[in-house]
């Protein structure tokens, strides 16, 4: 993968959670093999699919979005 950083976000009560975890694992293995950086897996507990849209002012939504912004902005 050509990007410097990669973050995969999942939540505890999402029917797609296993897909996100599997994707992060496969891509992480490929990045290691290519000598690239790690993959960050961000999992939010106690929430469901797209919770940050239905509850945008919740502490967990703010924390997740802040972490995404930090990752995009870089070190």
N, C-alpha and C. Protein backbone atom coordinates (compact mmCIF):
# COMPACT_ATOMS: atom_id res chain seq x y z
N UNK A 1 0.83 -1.19 0.00
CA UNK A 1 0.00 0.00 0.00
C UNK A 1 0.87 1.24 0.00
N UNK A 2 0.47 2.21 -0.75
CA UNK A 2 1.29 3.39 -0.93
C UNK A 2 1.17 4.43 0.18
N UNK A 3 0.19 4.32 1.05
CA UNK A 3 0.02 5.33 2.10
C UNK A 3 1.00 5.10 3.25
N UNK A 4 1.33 6.19 3.95
CA UNK A 4 2.25 6.08 5.08
C UNK A 4 1.58 5.49 6.31
N UNK A 5 0.34 5.89 6.54
CA UNK A 5 -0.40 5.43 7.72
C UNK A 5 -1.72 4.83 7.27
N UNK A 6 -2.20 3.85 8.02
CA UNK A 6 -3.49 3.25 7.73
C UNK A 6 -4.20 2.96 9.05
N UNK A 7 -5.43 3.42 9.15
CA UNK A 7 -6.25 3.18 10.33
C UNK A 7 -7.54 2.50 9.90
N UNK A 8 -7.91 1.46 10.63
CA UNK A 8 -9.18 0.77 10.42
C UNK A 8 -9.99 0.95 11.69
N UNK A 9 -11.23 1.42 11.56
CA UNK A 9 -12.09 1.66 12.72
C UNK A 9 -13.23 0.66 12.75
N UNK A 10 -13.45 0.07 13.91
CA UNK A 10 -14.57 -0.84 14.11
C UNK A 10 -15.24 -0.50 15.42
N UNK A 11 -16.42 -1.07 15.62
CA UNK A 11 -17.14 -0.89 16.88
C UNK A 11 -17.63 -2.24 17.37
N UNK A 12 -17.88 -2.33 18.67
CA UNK A 12 -18.22 -3.60 19.30
C UNK A 12 -19.49 -4.24 18.72
N UNK A 13 -20.52 -3.46 18.53
CA UNK A 13 -21.81 -4.02 18.11
C UNK A 13 -22.11 -3.75 16.64
N UNK A 14 -21.16 -4.05 15.79
CA UNK A 14 -21.33 -3.87 14.35
C UNK A 14 -21.25 -5.23 13.68
N UNK A 15 -22.23 -5.54 12.85
CA UNK A 15 -22.22 -6.82 12.16
C UNK A 15 -21.05 -6.93 11.18
N UNK A 16 -20.39 -5.83 10.87
CA UNK A 16 -19.23 -5.83 9.97
C UNK A 16 -17.90 -5.82 10.73
N UNK A 17 -17.94 -5.90 12.03
CA UNK A 17 -16.71 -5.81 12.84
C UNK A 17 -15.66 -6.82 12.41
N UNK A 18 -16.08 -8.04 12.19
CA UNK A 18 -15.12 -9.08 11.81
C UNK A 18 -14.44 -8.76 10.48
N UNK A 19 -15.17 -8.11 9.57
CA UNK A 19 -14.57 -7.72 8.28
C UNK A 19 -13.46 -6.69 8.49
N UNK A 20 -13.70 -5.73 9.35
CA UNK A 20 -12.70 -4.71 9.64
C UNK A 20 -11.46 -5.29 10.26
N UNK A 21 -11.67 -6.19 11.21
CA UNK A 21 -10.53 -6.85 11.86
C UNK A 21 -9.74 -7.69 10.86
N UNK A 22 -10.44 -8.46 10.04
CA UNK A 22 -9.76 -9.30 9.05
C UNK A 22 -8.99 -8.44 8.05
N UNK A 23 -9.60 -7.36 7.60
CA UNK A 23 -8.94 -6.45 6.66
C UNK A 23 -7.67 -5.88 7.28
N UNK A 24 -7.77 -5.41 8.52
CA UNK A 24 -6.60 -4.83 9.19
C UNK A 24 -5.48 -5.86 9.31
N UNK A 25 -5.84 -7.09 9.62
CA UNK A 25 -4.83 -8.14 9.78
C UNK A 25 -4.13 -8.46 8.45
N UNK A 26 -4.89 -8.63 7.40
CA UNK A 26 -4.32 -8.96 6.09
C UNK A 26 -3.44 -7.82 5.57
N UNK A 27 -3.93 -6.60 5.68
CA UNK A 27 -3.16 -5.45 5.20
C UNK A 27 -1.90 -5.26 6.05
N UNK A 28 -2.00 -5.49 7.35
CA UNK A 28 -0.84 -5.36 8.22
C UNK A 28 0.25 -6.34 7.81
N UNK A 29 -0.14 -7.57 7.51
CA UNK A 29 0.84 -8.57 7.07
C UNK A 29 1.51 -8.14 5.77
N UNK A 30 0.73 -7.61 4.84
CA UNK A 30 1.28 -7.17 3.56
C UNK A 30 2.22 -5.98 3.75
N UNK A 31 1.85 -5.07 4.62
CA UNK A 31 2.69 -3.89 4.86
C UNK A 31 4.01 -4.28 5.51
N UNK A 32 3.98 -5.23 6.44
CA UNK A 32 5.21 -5.70 7.07
C UNK A 32 6.10 -6.35 6.02
N UNK A 33 5.51 -7.17 5.16
CA UNK A 33 6.28 -7.84 4.11
C UNK A 33 6.92 -6.84 3.15
N UNK A 34 6.28 -5.70 2.95
CA UNK A 34 6.80 -4.67 2.05
C UNK A 34 7.65 -3.63 2.77
N UNK A 35 7.85 -3.82 4.08
CA UNK A 35 8.67 -2.88 4.85
C UNK A 35 7.99 -1.55 5.11
N UNK A 36 6.68 -1.55 5.12
CA UNK A 36 5.92 -0.32 5.38
C UNK A 36 5.45 -0.27 6.82
N UNK A 37 4.83 0.84 7.19
CA UNK A 37 4.38 1.04 8.56
C UNK A 37 3.24 0.13 8.97
N UNK A 38 2.96 0.16 10.24
CA UNK A 38 1.92 -0.69 10.83
C UNK A 38 0.52 -0.16 10.49
N UNK A 39 -0.45 -1.00 10.76
CA UNK A 39 -1.86 -0.64 10.63
C UNK A 39 -2.40 -0.41 12.03
N UNK A 40 -3.10 0.69 12.23
CA UNK A 40 -3.73 0.96 13.52
C UNK A 40 -5.18 0.50 13.46
N UNK A 41 -5.56 -0.37 14.40
CA UNK A 41 -6.94 -0.82 14.51
C UNK A 41 -7.56 -0.10 15.70
N UNK A 42 -8.54 0.73 15.43
CA UNK A 42 -9.23 1.49 16.47
C UNK A 42 -10.60 0.87 16.68
N UNK A 43 -10.81 0.27 17.84
CA UNK A 43 -12.09 -0.36 18.15
C UNK A 43 -12.77 0.41 19.28
N UNK A 44 -14.01 0.79 19.04
CA UNK A 44 -14.79 1.50 20.05
C UNK A 44 -15.76 0.52 20.68
N UNK A 45 -15.66 0.35 21.99
CA UNK A 45 -16.51 -0.60 22.70
C UNK A 45 -17.86 0.01 23.03
N UNK A 46 -18.87 -0.85 23.08
CA UNK A 46 -20.19 -0.45 23.52
C UNK A 46 -21.01 0.35 22.53
N UNK A 47 -20.59 0.38 21.27
CA UNK A 47 -21.31 1.15 20.25
C UNK A 47 -21.62 0.29 19.04
N UNK A 48 -22.57 0.76 18.22
CA UNK A 48 -22.98 0.05 17.03
C UNK A 48 -22.58 0.79 15.76
N UNK A 49 -22.96 0.19 14.65
CA UNK A 49 -22.64 0.70 13.32
C UNK A 49 -23.03 2.17 13.17
N UNK A 50 -22.14 2.98 12.66
CA UNK A 50 -22.28 4.42 12.42
C UNK A 50 -22.81 5.20 13.62
N UNK A 51 -22.42 4.81 14.82
CA UNK A 51 -22.87 5.50 16.03
C UNK A 51 -22.47 6.96 16.04
N UNK A 52 -21.38 7.29 15.39
CA UNK A 52 -20.88 8.67 15.36
C UNK A 52 -21.80 9.58 14.55
N UNK A 53 -22.68 9.00 13.74
CA UNK A 53 -23.69 9.79 13.02
C UNK A 53 -24.95 9.93 13.86
N UNK A 54 -25.37 8.84 14.48
CA UNK A 54 -26.60 8.89 15.28
C UNK A 54 -26.39 9.57 16.63
N UNK A 55 -25.16 9.54 17.13
CA UNK A 55 -24.84 10.19 18.42
C UNK A 55 -23.57 11.02 18.29
N UNK A 56 -23.57 12.04 17.43
CA UNK A 56 -22.34 12.78 17.14
C UNK A 56 -21.76 13.56 18.32
N UNK A 57 -22.56 13.85 19.31
CA UNK A 57 -22.07 14.61 20.46
C UNK A 57 -21.64 13.73 21.62
N UNK A 58 -21.69 12.42 21.44
CA UNK A 58 -21.27 11.52 22.52
C UNK A 58 -19.76 11.58 22.70
N UNK A 59 -19.32 11.28 23.91
CA UNK A 59 -17.88 11.29 24.20
C UNK A 59 -17.12 10.30 23.32
N UNK A 60 -17.71 9.14 23.08
CA UNK A 60 -17.04 8.12 22.27
C UNK A 60 -16.92 8.56 20.81
N UNK A 61 -17.96 9.21 20.30
CA UNK A 61 -17.90 9.71 18.91
C UNK A 61 -16.83 10.78 18.79
N UNK A 62 -16.80 11.69 19.74
CA UNK A 62 -15.78 12.74 19.71
C UNK A 62 -14.38 12.16 19.80
N UNK A 63 -14.20 11.17 20.69
CA UNK A 63 -12.88 10.55 20.86
C UNK A 63 -12.44 9.84 19.58
N UNK A 64 -13.36 9.11 18.95
CA UNK A 64 -13.02 8.40 17.72
C UNK A 64 -12.68 9.39 16.60
N UNK A 65 -13.49 10.40 16.42
CA UNK A 65 -13.23 11.37 15.36
C UNK A 65 -11.95 12.16 15.61
N UNK A 66 -11.68 12.48 16.87
CA UNK A 66 -10.41 13.15 17.20
C UNK A 66 -9.22 12.27 16.83
N UNK A 67 -9.34 10.96 17.09
CA UNK A 67 -8.25 10.03 16.78
C UNK A 67 -8.05 9.93 15.27
N UNK A 68 -9.14 9.92 14.52
CA UNK A 68 -9.06 9.88 13.06
C UNK A 68 -8.37 11.14 12.54
N UNK A 69 -8.77 12.29 13.05
CA UNK A 69 -8.16 13.56 12.63
C UNK A 69 -6.67 13.55 12.93
N UNK A 70 -6.29 13.07 14.11
CA UNK A 70 -4.87 13.00 14.48
C UNK A 70 -4.10 12.10 13.52
N UNK A 71 -4.71 11.00 13.14
CA UNK A 71 -4.05 10.08 12.22
C UNK A 71 -3.88 10.70 10.84
N UNK A 72 -4.90 11.39 10.37
CA UNK A 72 -4.82 12.04 9.05
C UNK A 72 -3.77 13.15 9.06
N UNK A 73 -3.74 13.91 10.14
CA UNK A 73 -2.78 15.02 10.24
C UNK A 73 -1.35 14.54 10.42
N UNK A 74 -1.19 13.32 10.91
CA UNK A 74 0.14 12.75 11.05
C UNK A 74 0.87 13.18 12.30
N UNK A 75 2.07 12.64 12.44
CA UNK A 75 2.87 12.92 13.65
C UNK A 75 3.34 14.36 13.74
